[in-house]
Amino acid sequence: MCDIADPFQQASSLSAGINSRLDKALAPYTLDYQLIENSFLYRSGYYNTTIRKFLLQMDTINQAIASRLGVNRRKSYSIFMPISRFSGRVIEHLVIQSVDLSRGEIVYTIVSAS
């Protein structure tokens, strides 16, 4: 949402606009809080250690979640859904080819949703 334009044209992005409206809504309560954009944490590497732990358990986690999905979605489900560098959209249907834990990289193939 940080890369989506604010439809109200009042902020630099949709998420910045949401955060601004949340700030205004909370202002009367004089709460002590700090909003941190999740995208900032991802891009800064803050989650890298945790993501590598998920990579170690990826098959187990995928199986647990996929068992609750429909047959077609189960075929291409992954807890890791990369963002397309071309469209900026989440790639939901993929097949993991390999995982390099030392580099924290996943090689995948995009498959058809049908």
PDB file of N, CA and C in Angstrom:
ATOM      1  N   MET A   1       0.821  -1.188   0.000  1.00  0.00           N
ATOM      2  CA  MET A   1       0.000   0.000   0.000  1.00  0.00           C
ATOM      3  C   MET A   1       0.869   1.258   0.000  1.00  0.00           C
ATOM      4  N   CYS A   2       2.143   1.085   0.350  1.00  0.00           N
ATOM      5  CA  CYS A   2       3.020   2.252   0.346  1.00  0.00           C
ATOM      6  C   CYS A   2       3.398   2.661  -1.078  1.00  0.00           C
ATOM      7  N   ASP A   3       3.175   1.765  -2.043  1.00  0.00           N
ATOM      8  CA  ASP A   3       3.478   2.076  -3.437  1.00  0.00           C
ATOM      9  C   ASP A   3       2.231   2.423  -4.247  1.00  0.00           C
ATOM     10  N   ILE A   4       1.080   2.470  -3.583  1.00  0.00           N
ATOM     11  CA  ILE A   4      -0.174   2.799  -4.243  1.00  0.00           C
ATOM     12  C   ILE A   4      -0.493   4.273  -3.979  1.00  0.00           C
ATOM     13  N   ALA A   5      -0.857   4.973  -5.008  1.00  0.00           N
ATOM     14  CA  ALA A   5      -1.187   6.396  -4.867  1.00  0.00           C
ATOM     15  C   ALA A   5      -2.387   6.578  -3.944  1.00  0.00           C
ATOM     16  N   ASP A   6      -2.366   7.648  -3.173  1.00  0.00           N
ATOM     17  CA  ASP A   6      -3.492   7.981  -2.306  1.00  0.00           C
ATOM     18  C   ASP A   6      -4.658   8.433  -3.180  1.00  0.00           C
ATOM     19  N   PRO A   7      -5.782   7.706  -3.163  1.00  0.00           N
ATOM     20  CA  PRO A   7      -6.903   8.077  -4.031  1.00  0.00           C
ATOM     21  C   PRO A   7      -7.516   9.427  -3.679  1.00  0.00           C
ATOM     22  N   PHE A   8      -7.234   9.919  -2.474  1.00  0.00           N
ATOM     23  CA  PHE A   8      -7.771  11.211  -2.046  1.00  0.00           C
ATOM     24  C   PHE A   8      -6.793  12.347  -2.332  1.00  0.00           C
ATOM     25  N   GLN A   9      -5.620  11.989  -2.836  1.00  0.00           N
ATOM     26  CA  GLN A   9      -4.570  12.949  -3.192  1.00  0.00           C
ATOM     27  C   GLN A   9      -4.212  13.878  -2.031  1.00  0.00           C
ATOM     28  N   GLN A  10      -4.186  13.293  -0.818  1.00  0.00           N
ATOM     29  CA  GLN A  10      -3.846  14.078   0.374  1.00  0.00           C
ATOM     30  C   GLN A  10      -2.534  13.627   0.997  1.00  0.00           C
ATOM     31  N   ALA A  11      -1.955  12.532   0.470  1.00  0.00           N
ATOM     32  CA  ALA A  11      -0.721  11.996   1.041  1.00  0.00           C
ATOM     33  C   ALA A  11       0.127  11.397  -0.068  1.00  0.00           C
ATOM     34  N   SER A  12       1.345  11.035   0.264  1.00  0.00           N
ATOM     35  CA  SER A  12       2.269  10.498  -0.739  1.00  0.00           C
ATOM     36  C   SER A  12       1.909   9.095  -1.195  1.00  0.00           C
ATOM     37  N   SER A  13       1.110   8.375  -0.404  1.00  0.00           N
ATOM     38  CA  SER A  13       0.693   7.017  -0.772  1.00  0.00           C
ATOM     39  C   SER A  13      -0.581   6.669  -0.018  1.00  0.00           C
ATOM     40  N   LEU A  14      -1.177   5.542  -0.399  1.00  0.00           N
ATOM     41  CA  LEU A  14      -2.373   5.081   0.292  1.00  0.00           C
ATOM     42  C   LEU A  14      -2.074   4.826   1.760  1.00  0.00           C
ATOM     43  N   SER A  15      -0.959   4.142   2.042  1.00  0.00           N
ATOM     44  CA  SER A  15      -0.642   3.843   3.443  1.00  0.00           C
ATOM     45  C   SER A  15      -0.339   5.116   4.236  1.00  0.00           C
ATOM     46  N   ALA A  16       0.335   6.079   3.629  1.00  0.00           N
ATOM     47  CA  ALA A  16       0.604   7.338   4.328  1.00  0.00           C
ATOM     48  C   ALA A  16      -0.711   8.053   4.649  1.00  0.00           C
ATOM     49  N   GLY A  17      -1.666   7.987   3.735  1.00  0.00           N
ATOM     50  CA  GLY A  17      -2.978   8.589   3.979  1.00  0.00           C
ATOM     51  C   GLY A  17      -3.722   7.890   5.104  1.00  0.00           C
ATOM     52  N   ILE A  18      -3.665   6.555   5.118  1.00  0.00           N
ATOM     53  CA  ILE A  18      -4.311   5.787   6.191  1.00  0.00           C
ATOM     54  C   ILE A  18      -3.669   6.123   7.527  1.00  0.00           C
ATOM     55  N   ASN A  19      -2.337   6.170   7.551  1.00  0.00           N
ATOM     56  CA  ASN A  19      -1.637   6.507   8.793  1.00  0.00           C
ATOM     57  C   ASN A  19      -2.003   7.906   9.276  1.00  0.00           C
ATOM     58  N   SER A  20      -2.114   8.832   8.357  1.00  0.00           N
ATOM     59  CA  SER A  20      -2.484  10.203   8.715  1.00  0.00           C
ATOM     60  C   SER A  20      -3.885  10.248   9.328  1.00  0.00           C
ATOM     61  N   ARG A  21      -4.825   9.535   8.712  1.00  0.00           N
ATOM     62  CA  ARG A  21      -6.188   9.510   9.247  1.00  0.00           C
ATOM     63  C   ARG A  21      -6.225   8.814  10.618  1.00  0.00           C
ATOM     64  N   LEU A  22      -5.398   7.778  10.782  1.00  0.00           N
ATOM     65  CA  LEU A  22      -5.319   7.110  12.085  1.00  0.00           C
ATOM     66  C   LEU A  22      -4.752   8.062  13.135  1.00  0.00           C
ATOM     67  N   ASP A  23      -3.706   8.805  12.783  1.00  0.00           N
ATOM     68  CA  ASP A  23      -3.147   9.806  13.700  1.00  0.00           C
ATOM     69  C   ASP A  23      -4.218  10.797  14.158  1.00  0.00           C
ATOM     70  N   LYS A  24      -5.004  11.280  13.201  1.00  0.00           N
ATOM     71  CA  LYS A  24      -6.056  12.247  13.533  1.00  0.00           C
ATOM     72  C   LYS A  24      -7.123  11.634  14.437  1.00  0.00           C
ATOM     73  N   ALA A  25      -7.462  10.366  14.159  1.00  0.00           N
ATOM     74  CA  ALA A  25      -8.482   9.691  14.972  1.00  0.00           C
ATOM     75  C   ALA A  25      -7.988   9.435  16.396  1.00  0.00           C
ATOM     76  N   LEU A  26      -6.697   9.185  16.563  1.00  0.00           N
ATOM     77  CA  LEU A  26      -6.154   8.888  17.886  1.00  0.00           C
ATOM     78  C   LEU A  26      -5.749  10.136  18.680  1.00  0.00           C
ATOM     79  N   ALA A  27      -5.593  11.258  17.994  1.00  0.00           N
ATOM     80  CA  ALA A  27      -5.129  12.489  18.634  1.00  0.00           C
ATOM     81  C   ALA A  27      -5.905  12.873  19.899  1.00  0.00           C
ATOM     82  N   PRO A  28      -7.230  12.779  19.926  1.00  0.00           N
ATOM     83  CA  PRO A  28      -7.961  13.179  21.136  1.00  0.00           C
ATOM     84  C   PRO A  28      -7.637  12.322  22.370  1.00  0.00           C
ATOM     85  N   TYR A  29      -7.058  11.161  22.173  1.00  0.00           N
ATOM     86  CA  TYR A  29      -6.799  10.257  23.290  1.00  0.00           C
ATOM     87  C   TYR A  29      -5.404  10.421  23.891  1.00  0.00           C
ATOM     88  N   THR A  30      -4.596  11.301  23.327  1.00  0.00           N
ATOM     89  CA  THR A  30      -3.229  11.571  23.791  1.00  0.00           C
ATOM     90  C   THR A  30      -2.462  10.295  24.135  1.00  0.00           C
ATOM     91  N   LEU A  31      -2.512   9.346  23.231  1.00  0.00           N
ATOM     92  CA  LEU A  31      -1.780   8.089  23.393  1.00  0.00           C
ATOM     93  C   LEU A  31      -0.323   8.275  22.984  1.00  0.00           C
ATOM     94  N   ASP A  32       0.555   7.529  23.629  1.00  0.00           N
ATOM     95  CA  ASP A  32       1.961   7.525  23.246  1.00  0.00           C
ATOM     96  C   ASP A  32       2.174   6.325  22.330  1.00  0.00           C
ATOM     97  N   TYR A  33       2.341   6.555  21.029  1.00  0.00           N
ATOM     98  CA  TYR A  33       2.504   5.474  20.067  1.00  0.00           C
ATOM     99  C   TYR A  33       3.397   5.946  18.923  1.00  0.00           C
ATOM    100  N   GLN A  34       3.880   4.982  18.175  1.00  0.00           N
ATOM    101  CA  GLN A  34       4.680   5.284  16.996  1.00  0.00           C
ATOM    102  C   GLN A  34       4.268   4.319  15.887  1.00  0.00           C
ATOM    103  N   LEU A  35       3.863   4.855  14.750  1.00  0.00           N
ATOM    104  CA  LEU A  35       3.531   4.021  13.593  1.00  0.00           C
ATOM    105  C   LEU A  35       4.789   3.791  12.770  1.00  0.00           C
ATOM    106  N   ILE A  36       5.048   2.537  12.448  1.00  0.00           N
ATOM    107  CA  ILE A  36       6.192   2.189  11.608  1.00  0.00           C
ATOM    108  C   ILE A  36       5.661   1.408  10.420  1.00  0.00           C
ATOM    109  N   GLU A  37       5.990   1.854   9.224  1.00  0.00           N
ATOM    110  CA  GLU A  37       5.507   1.180   8.028  1.00  0.00           C
ATOM    111  C   GLU A  37       6.204  -0.162   7.863  1.00  0.00           C
ATOM    112  N   ASN A  38       5.414  -1.191   7.693  1.00  0.00           N
ATOM    113  CA  ASN A  38       5.935  -2.537   7.512  1.00  0.00           C
ATOM    114  C   ASN A  38       6.868  -2.617   6.304  1.00  0.00           C
ATOM    115  N   SER A  39       6.534  -1.903   5.245  1.00  0.00           N
ATOM    116  CA  SER A  39       7.376  -1.918   4.046  1.00  0.00           C
ATOM    117  C   SER A  39       8.767  -1.382   4.362  1.00  0.00           C
ATOM    118  N   PHE A  40       8.860  -0.389   5.240  1.00  0.00           N
ATOM    119  CA  PHE A  40      10.166   0.134   5.653  1.00  0.00           C
ATOM    120  C   PHE A  40      10.972  -0.950   6.351  1.00  0.00           C
ATOM    121  N   LEU A  41      10.312  -1.704   7.235  1.00  0.00           N
ATOM    122  CA  LEU A  41      11.004  -2.771   7.957  1.00  0.00           C
ATOM    123  C   LEU A  41      11.479  -3.867   7.007  1.00  0.00           C
ATOM    124  N   TYR A  42      10.648  -4.248   6.043  1.00  0.00           N
ATOM    125  CA  TYR A  42      11.060  -5.243   5.051  1.00  0.00           C
ATOM    126  C   TYR A  42      12.262  -4.744   4.261  1.00  0.00           C
ATOM    127  N   ARG A  43      12.174  -3.549   3.751  1.00  0.00           N
ATOM    128  CA  ARG A  43      13.243  -3.014   2.901  1.00  0.00           C
ATOM    129  C   ARG A  43      14.542  -2.769   3.663  1.00  0.00           C
ATOM    130  N   SER A  44      14.434  -2.522   4.961  1.00  0.00           N
ATOM    131  CA  SER A  44      15.635  -2.269   5.767  1.00  0.00           C
ATOM    132  C   SER A  44      16.356  -3.551   6.161  1.00  0.00           C
ATOM    133  N   GLY A  45      15.699  -4.704   5.963  1.00  0.00           N
ATOM    134  CA  GLY A  45      16.296  -5.973   6.351  1.00  0.00           C
ATOM    135  C   GLY A  45      15.942  -6.402   7.760  1.00  0.00           C
ATOM    136  N   TYR A  46      15.083  -5.649   8.412  1.00  0.00           N
ATOM    137  CA  TYR A  46      14.699  -5.930   9.799  1.00  0.00           C
ATOM    138  C   TYR A  46      14.161  -7.355   9.979  1.00  0.00           C
ATOM    139  N   TYR A  47      13.437  -7.852   8.988  1.00  0.00           N
ATOM    140  CA  TYR A  47      12.813  -9.178   9.085  1.00  0.00           C
ATOM    141  C   TYR A  47      13.677 -10.316   8.533  1.00  0.00           C
ATOM    142  N   ASN A  48      14.863 -10.036   8.037  1.00  0.00           N
ATOM    143  CA  ASN A  48      15.644 -11.051   7.342  1.00  0.00           C
ATOM    144  C   ASN A  48      15.886 -12.305   8.175  1.00  0.00           C
ATOM    145  N   THR A  49      16.228 -12.167   9.439  1.00  0.00           N
ATOM    146  CA  THR A  49      16.479 -13.330  10.291  1.00  0.00           C
ATOM    147  C   THR A  49      15.225 -14.177  10.424  1.00  0.00           C
ATOM    148  N   THR A  50      14.103 -13.540  10.635  1.00  0.00           N
ATOM    149  CA  THR A  50      12.837 -14.269  10.762  1.00  0.00           C
ATOM    150  C   THR A  50      12.449 -14.926   9.448  1.00  0.00           C
ATOM    151  N   ILE A  51      12.654 -14.238   8.344  1.00  0.00           N
ATOM    152  CA  ILE A  51      12.328 -14.809   7.034  1.00  0.00           C
ATOM    153  C   ILE A  51      13.160 -16.063   6.788  1.00  0.00           C
ATOM    154  N   ARG A  52      14.426 -16.042   7.181  1.00  0.00           N
ATOM    155  CA  ARG A  52      15.270 -17.240   7.004  1.00  0.00           C
ATOM    156  C   ARG A  52      14.774 -18.401   7.864  1.00  0.00           C
ATOM    157  N   LYS A  53      14.234 -18.101   9.028  1.00  0.00           N
ATOM    158  CA  LYS A  53      13.639 -19.160   9.858  1.00  0.00           C
ATOM    159  C   LYS A  53      12.428 -19.761   9.154  1.00  0.00           C
ATOM    160  N   PHE A  54      11.634 -18.915   8.508  1.00  0.00           N
ATOM    161  CA  PHE A  54      10.494 -19.410   7.733  1.00  0.00           C
ATOM    162  C   PHE A  54      10.978 -20.245   6.553  1.00  0.00           C
ATOM    163  N   LEU A  55      12.086 -19.837   5.920  1.00  0.00           N
ATOM    164  CA  LEU A  55      12.637 -20.619   4.813  1.00  0.00           C
ATOM    165  C   LEU A  55      13.008 -22.030   5.273  1.00  0.00           C
ATOM    166  N   LEU A  56      13.569 -22.132   6.471  1.00  0.00           N
ATOM    167  CA  LEU A  56      13.943 -23.438   7.015  1.00  0.00           C
ATOM    168  C   LEU A  56      12.733 -24.349   7.193  1.00  0.00           C
ATOM    169  N   GLN A  57      11.598 -23.763   7.522  1.00  0.00           N
ATOM    170  CA  GLN A  57      10.377 -24.528   7.790  1.00  0.00           C
ATOM    171  C   GLN A  57       9.332 -24.382   6.695  1.00  0.00           C
ATOM    172  N   MET A  58       9.759 -23.881   5.542  1.00  0.00           N
ATOM    173  CA  MET A  58       8.820 -23.552   4.472  1.00  0.00           C
ATOM    174  C   MET A  58       7.924 -24.725   4.077  1.00  0.00           C
ATOM    175  N   ASP A  59       8.493 -25.897   3.891  1.00  0.00           N
ATOM    176  CA  ASP A  59       7.677 -27.042   3.458  1.00  0.00           C
ATOM    177  C   ASP A  59       6.608 -27.383   4.483  1.00  0.00           C
ATOM    178  N   THR A  60       6.971 -27.392   5.750  1.00  0.00           N
ATOM    179  CA  THR A  60       6.015 -27.715   6.813  1.00  0.00           C
ATOM    180  C   THR A  60       4.909 -26.672   6.889  1.00  0.00           C
ATOM    181  N   ILE A  61       5.285 -25.408   6.826  1.00  0.00           N
ATOM    182  CA  ILE A  61       4.299 -24.322   6.897  1.00  0.00           C
ATOM    183  C   ILE A  61       3.389 -24.354   5.669  1.00  0.00           C
ATOM    184  N   ASN A  62       3.987 -24.513   4.489  1.00  0.00           N
ATOM    185  CA  ASN A  62       3.189 -24.587   3.255  1.00  0.00           C
ATOM    186  C   ASN A  62       2.182 -25.725   3.317  1.00  0.00           C
ATOM    187  N   GLN A  63       2.622 -26.888   3.782  1.00  0.00           N
ATOM    188  CA  GLN A  63       1.721 -28.045   3.860  1.00  0.00           C
ATOM    189  C   GLN A  63       0.568 -27.784   4.830  1.00  0.00           C
ATOM    190  N   ALA A  64       0.870 -27.155   5.963  1.00  0.00           N
ATOM    191  CA  ALA A  64      -0.182 -26.872   6.947  1.00  0.00           C
ATOM    192  C   ALA A  64      -1.240 -25.934   6.371  1.00  0.00           C
ATOM    193  N   ILE A  65      -0.796 -24.913   5.652  1.00  0.00           N
ATOM    194  CA  ILE A  65      -1.735 -23.943   5.081  1.00  0.00           C
ATOM    195  C   ILE A  65      -2.431 -24.528   3.855  1.00  0.00           C
ATOM    196  N   ALA A  66      -1.663 -25.159   2.989  1.00  0.00           N
ATOM    197  CA  ALA A  66      -2.223 -25.692   1.743  1.00  0.00           C
ATOM    198  C   ALA A  66      -3.293 -26.749   2.003  1.00  0.00           C
ATOM    199  N   SER A  67      -3.183 -27.456   3.112  1.00  0.00           N
ATOM    200  CA  SER A  67      -4.184 -28.489   3.414  1.00  0.00           C
ATOM    201  C   SER A  67      -5.572 -27.883   3.617  1.00  0.00           C
ATOM    202  N   ARG A  68      -5.633 -26.584   3.806  1.00  0.00           N
ATOM    203  CA  ARG A  68      -6.912 -25.904   4.022  1.00  0.00           C
ATOM    204  C   ARG A  68      -7.390 -25.142   2.781  1.00  0.00           C
ATOM    205  N   LEU A  69      -6.662 -25.289   1.686  1.00  0.00           N
ATOM    206  CA  LEU A  69      -6.992 -24.585   0.449  1.00  0.00           C
ATOM    207  C   LEU A  69      -7.668 -25.518  -0.538  1.00  0.00           C
ATOM    208  N   GLY A  70      -8.281 -24.921  -1.535  1.00  0.00           N
ATOM    209  CA  GLY A  70      -8.886 -25.713  -2.601  1.00  0.00           C
ATOM    210  C   GLY A  70      -7.807 -26.411  -3.424  1.00  0.00           C
ATOM    211  N   VAL A  71      -8.202 -27.417  -4.173  1.00  0.00           N
ATOM    212  CA  VAL A  71      -7.262 -28.245  -4.931  1.00  0.00           C
ATOM    213  C   VAL A  71      -6.408 -27.416  -5.887  1.00  0.00           C
ATOM    214  N   ASN A  72      -7.021 -26.529  -6.668  1.00  0.00           N
ATOM    215  CA  ASN A  72      -6.261 -25.739  -7.635  1.00  0.00           C
ATOM    216  C   ASN A  72      -5.279 -24.789  -6.956  1.00  0.00           C
ATOM    217  N   ARG A  73      -5.710 -24.122  -5.910  1.00  0.00           N
ATOM    218  CA  ARG A  73      -4.823 -23.172  -5.216  1.00  0.00           C
ATOM    219  C   ARG A  73      -3.684 -23.906  -4.514  1.00  0.00           C
ATOM    220  N   ARG A  74      -3.963 -25.074  -4.015  1.00  0.00           N
ATOM    221  CA  ARG A  74      -2.966 -25.874  -3.296  1.00  0.00           C
ATOM    222  C   ARG A  74      -1.751 -26.185  -4.177  1.00  0.00           C
ATOM    223  N   LYS A  75      -1.984 -26.349  -5.483  1.00  0.00           N
ATOM    224  CA  LYS A  75      -0.908 -26.716  -6.406  1.00  0.00           C
ATOM    225  C   LYS A  75       0.185 -25.651  -6.497  1.00  0.00           C
ATOM    226  N   SER A  76      -0.190 -24.397  -6.329  1.00  0.00           N
ATOM    227  CA  SER A  76       0.783 -23.319  -6.522  1.00  0.00           C
ATOM    228  C   SER A  76       0.891 -22.393  -5.317  1.00  0.00           C
ATOM    229  N   TYR A  77       0.471 -22.850  -4.150  1.00  0.00           N
ATOM    230  CA  TYR A  77       0.523 -21.998  -2.968  1.00  0.00           C
ATOM    231  C   TYR A  77       1.925 -21.977  -2.380  1.00  0.00           C
ATOM    232  N   SER A  78       2.332 -20.822  -1.919  1.00  0.00           N
ATOM    233  CA  SER A  78       3.578 -20.675  -1.172  1.00  0.00           C
ATOM    234  C   SER A  78       3.397 -19.564  -0.159  1.00  0.00           C
ATOM    235  N   ILE A  79       4.022 -19.733   1.018  1.00  0.00           N
ATOM    236  CA  ILE A  79       3.980 -18.659   2.011  1.00  0.00           C
ATOM    237  C   ILE A  79       4.777 -17.454   1.526  1.00  0.00           C
ATOM    238  N   PHE A  80       5.663 -17.684   0.573  1.00  0.00           N
ATOM    239  CA  PHE A  80       6.428 -16.594  -0.027  1.00  0.00           C
ATOM    240  C   PHE A  80       5.795 -16.233  -1.346  1.00  0.00           C
ATOM    241  N   MET A  81       5.345 -14.996  -1.446  1.00  0.00           N
ATOM    242  CA  MET A  81       4.723 -14.503  -2.667  1.00  0.00           C
ATOM    243  C   MET A  81       5.467 -13.242  -3.086  1.00  0.00           C
ATOM    244  N   PRO A  82       6.393 -13.392  -4.031  1.00  0.00           N
ATOM    245  CA  PRO A  82       7.202 -12.236  -4.433  1.00  0.00           C
ATOM    246  C   PRO A  82       6.383 -11.178  -5.161  1.00  0.00           C
ATOM    247  N   ILE A  83       6.958  -9.995  -5.228  1.00  0.00           N
ATOM    248  CA  ILE A  83       6.366  -8.877  -5.961  1.00  0.00           C
ATOM    249  C   ILE A  83       7.010  -8.850  -7.353  1.00  0.00           C
ATOM    250  N   SER A  84       6.203  -8.786  -8.380  1.00  0.00           N
ATOM    251  CA  SER A  84       6.724  -8.701  -9.749  1.00  0.00           C
ATOM    252  C   SER A  84       7.438  -7.370  -9.949  1.00  0.00           C
ATOM    253  N   ARG A  85       8.658  -7.434 -10.440  1.00  0.00           N
ATOM    254  CA  ARG A  85       9.389  -6.186 -10.707  1.00  0.00           C
ATOM    255  C   ARG A  85       8.816  -5.466 -11.924  1.00  0.00           C
ATOM    256  N   PHE A  86       7.995  -6.168 -12.719  1.00  0.00           N
ATOM    257  CA  PHE A  86       7.410  -5.564 -13.923  1.00  0.00           C
ATOM    258  C   PHE A  86       6.075  -4.887 -13.631  1.00  0.00           C
ATOM    259  N   SER A  87       5.203  -5.587 -12.893  1.00  0.00           N
ATOM    260  CA  SER A  87       3.864  -5.042 -12.645  1.00  0.00           C
ATOM    261  C   SER A  87       3.712  -4.437 -11.251  1.00  0.00           C
ATOM    262  N   GLY A  88       4.596  -4.810 -10.323  1.00  0.00           N
ATOM    263  CA  GLY A  88       4.471  -4.345  -8.944  1.00  0.00           C
ATOM    264  C   GLY A  88       3.408  -5.100  -8.164  1.00  0.00           C
ATOM    265  N   ARG A  89       2.852  -6.143  -8.761  1.00  0.00           N
ATOM    266  CA  ARG A  89       1.798  -6.932  -8.117  1.00  0.00           C
ATOM    267  C   ARG A  89       2.377  -8.201  -7.498  1.00  0.00           C
ATOM    268  N   VAL A  90       1.663  -8.736  -6.516  1.00  0.00           N
ATOM    269  CA  VAL A  90       2.064  -9.980  -5.871  1.00  0.00           C
ATOM    270  C   VAL A  90       1.894 -11.136  -6.847  1.00  0.00           C
ATOM    271  N   ILE A  91       2.906 -12.004  -6.906  1.00  0.00           N
ATOM    272  CA  ILE A  91       2.830 -13.205  -7.738  1.00  0.00           C
ATOM    273  C   ILE A  91       2.313 -14.324  -6.839  1.00  0.00           C
ATOM    274  N   GLU A  92       1.056 -14.677  -7.025  1.00  0.00           N
ATOM    275  CA  GLU A  92       0.416 -15.658  -6.144  1.00  0.00           C
ATOM    276  C   GLU A  92       0.603 -17.097  -6.588  1.00  0.00           C
ATOM    277  N   HIS A  93       0.730 -17.325  -7.870  1.00  0.00           N
ATOM    278  CA  HIS A  93       0.787 -18.692  -8.386  1.00  0.00           C
ATOM    279  C   HIS A  93       2.199 -18.977  -8.868  1.00  0.00           C
ATOM    280  N   LEU A  94       2.929 -19.740  -8.065  1.00  0.00           N
ATOM    281  CA  LEU A  94       4.298 -20.063  -8.414  1.00  0.00           C
ATOM    282  C   LEU A  94       4.663 -21.435  -7.874  1.00  0.00           C
ATOM    283  N   VAL A  95       5.740 -21.967  -8.415  1.00  0.00           N
ATOM    284  CA  VAL A  95       6.279 -23.233  -7.932  1.00  0.00           C
ATOM    285  C   VAL A  95       7.724 -22.968  -7.526  1.00  0.00           C
ATOM    286  N   ILE A  96       8.045 -23.290  -6.288  1.00  0.00           N
ATOM    287  CA  ILE A  96       9.403 -23.104  -5.790  1.00  0.00           C
ATOM    288  C   ILE A  96      10.295 -24.177  -6.414  1.00  0.00           C
ATOM    289  N   GLN A  97      11.357 -23.746  -7.069  1.00  0.00           N
ATOM    290  CA  GLN A  97      12.312 -24.673  -7.691  1.00  0.00           C
ATOM    291  C   GLN A  97      13.445 -25.025  -6.729  1.00  0.00           C
ATOM    292  N   SER A  98      13.953 -23.996  -6.025  1.00  0.00           N
ATOM    293  CA  SER A  98      15.041 -24.232  -5.077  1.00  0.00           C
ATOM    294  C   SER A  98      15.101 -23.095  -4.068  1.00  0.00           C
ATOM    295  N   VAL A  99      15.756 -23.385  -2.946  1.00  0.00           N
ATOM    296  CA  VAL A  99      15.941 -22.399  -1.877  1.00  0.00           C
ATOM    297  C   VAL A  99      17.415 -22.411  -1.497  1.00  0.00           C
ATOM    298  N   ASP A 100      18.032 -21.247  -1.476  1.00  0.00           N
ATOM    299  CA  ASP A 100      19.424 -21.106  -1.035  1.00  0.00           C
ATOM    300  C   ASP A 100      19.401 -20.401   0.315  1.00  0.00           C
ATOM    301  N   LEU A 101      19.499 -21.194   1.381  1.00  0.00           N
ATOM    302  CA  LEU A 101      19.412 -20.634   2.736  1.00  0.00           C
ATOM    303  C   LEU A 101      20.558 -19.688   3.036  1.00  0.00           C
ATOM    304  N   SER A 102      21.737 -19.974   2.522  1.00  0.00           N
ATOM    305  CA  SER A 102      22.889 -19.123   2.825  1.00  0.00           C
ATOM    306  C   SER A 102      22.720 -17.719   2.251  1.00  0.00           C
ATOM    307  N   ARG A 103      22.050 -17.625   1.119  1.00  0.00           N
ATOM    308  CA  ARG A 103      21.819 -16.319   0.493  1.00  0.00           C
ATOM    309  C   ARG A 103      20.432 -15.769   0.791  1.00  0.00           C
ATOM    310  N   GLY A 104      19.552 -16.630   1.335  1.00  0.00           N
ATOM    311  CA  GLY A 104      18.186 -16.205   1.595  1.00  0.00           C
ATOM    312  C   GLY A 104      17.412 -15.969   0.317  1.00  0.00           C
ATOM    313  N   GLU A 105      17.653 -16.812  -0.680  1.00  0.00           N
ATOM    314  CA  GLU A 105      17.017 -16.645  -1.985  1.00  0.00           C
ATOM    315  C   GLU A 105      16.156 -17.837  -2.351  1.00  0.00           C
ATOM    316  N   ILE A 106      15.115 -17.536  -3.097  1.00  0.00           N
ATOM    317  CA  ILE A 106      14.199 -18.551  -3.611  1.00  0.00           C
ATOM    318  C   ILE A 106      14.187 -18.428  -5.129  1.00  0.00           C
ATOM    319  N   VAL A 107      14.279 -19.569  -5.806  1.00  0.00           N
ATOM    320  CA  VAL A 107      14.113 -19.604  -7.258  1.00  0.00           C
ATOM    321  C   VAL A 107      12.741 -20.225  -7.520  1.00  0.00           C
ATOM    322  N   TYR A 108      11.945 -19.564  -8.335  1.00  0.00           N
ATOM    323  CA  TYR A 108      10.582 -20.029  -8.569  1.00  0.00           C
ATOM    324  C   TYR A 108      10.212 -19.898 -10.032  1.00  0.00           C
ATOM    325  N   THR A 109       9.166 -20.625 -10.405  1.00  0.00           N
ATOM    326  CA  THR A 109       8.569 -20.541 -11.729  1.00  0.00           C
ATOM    327  C   THR A 109       7.138 -20.057 -11.558  1.00  0.00           C
ATOM    328  N   ILE A 110       6.743 -19.094 -12.368  1.00  0.00           N
ATOM    329  CA  ILE A 110       5.370 -18.602 -12.338  1.00  0.00           C
ATOM    330  C   ILE A 110       4.506 -19.554 -13.154  1.00  0.00           C
ATOM    331  N   VAL A 111       3.401 -19.982 -12.560  1.00  0.00           N
ATOM    332  CA  VAL A 111       2.493 -20.909 -13.250  1.00  0.00           C
ATOM    333  C   VAL A 111       1.151 -20.235 -13.486  1.00  0.00           C
ATOM    334  N   SER A 112       0.390 -20.809 -14.366  1.00  0.00           N
ATOM    335  CA  SER A 112      -0.947 -20.309 -14.668  1.00  0.00           C
ATOM    336  C   SER A 112      -1.868 -20.546 -13.478  1.00  0.00           C
ATOM    337  N   ALA A 113      -2.768 -19.612 -13.213  1.00  0.00           N
ATOM    338  CA  ALA A 113      -3.712 -19.737 -12.103  1.00  0.00           C
ATOM    339  C   ALA A 113      -4.781 -20.786 -12.374  1.00  0.00           C
ATOM    340  N   SER A 114      -4.972 -21.185 -13.602  1.00  0.00           N
ATOM    341  CA  SER A 114      -6.036 -22.145 -13.914  1.00  0.00           C
ATOM    342  C   SER A 114      -5.557 -23.566 -13.923  1.00  0.00           C
TER     343      SER A 114
END
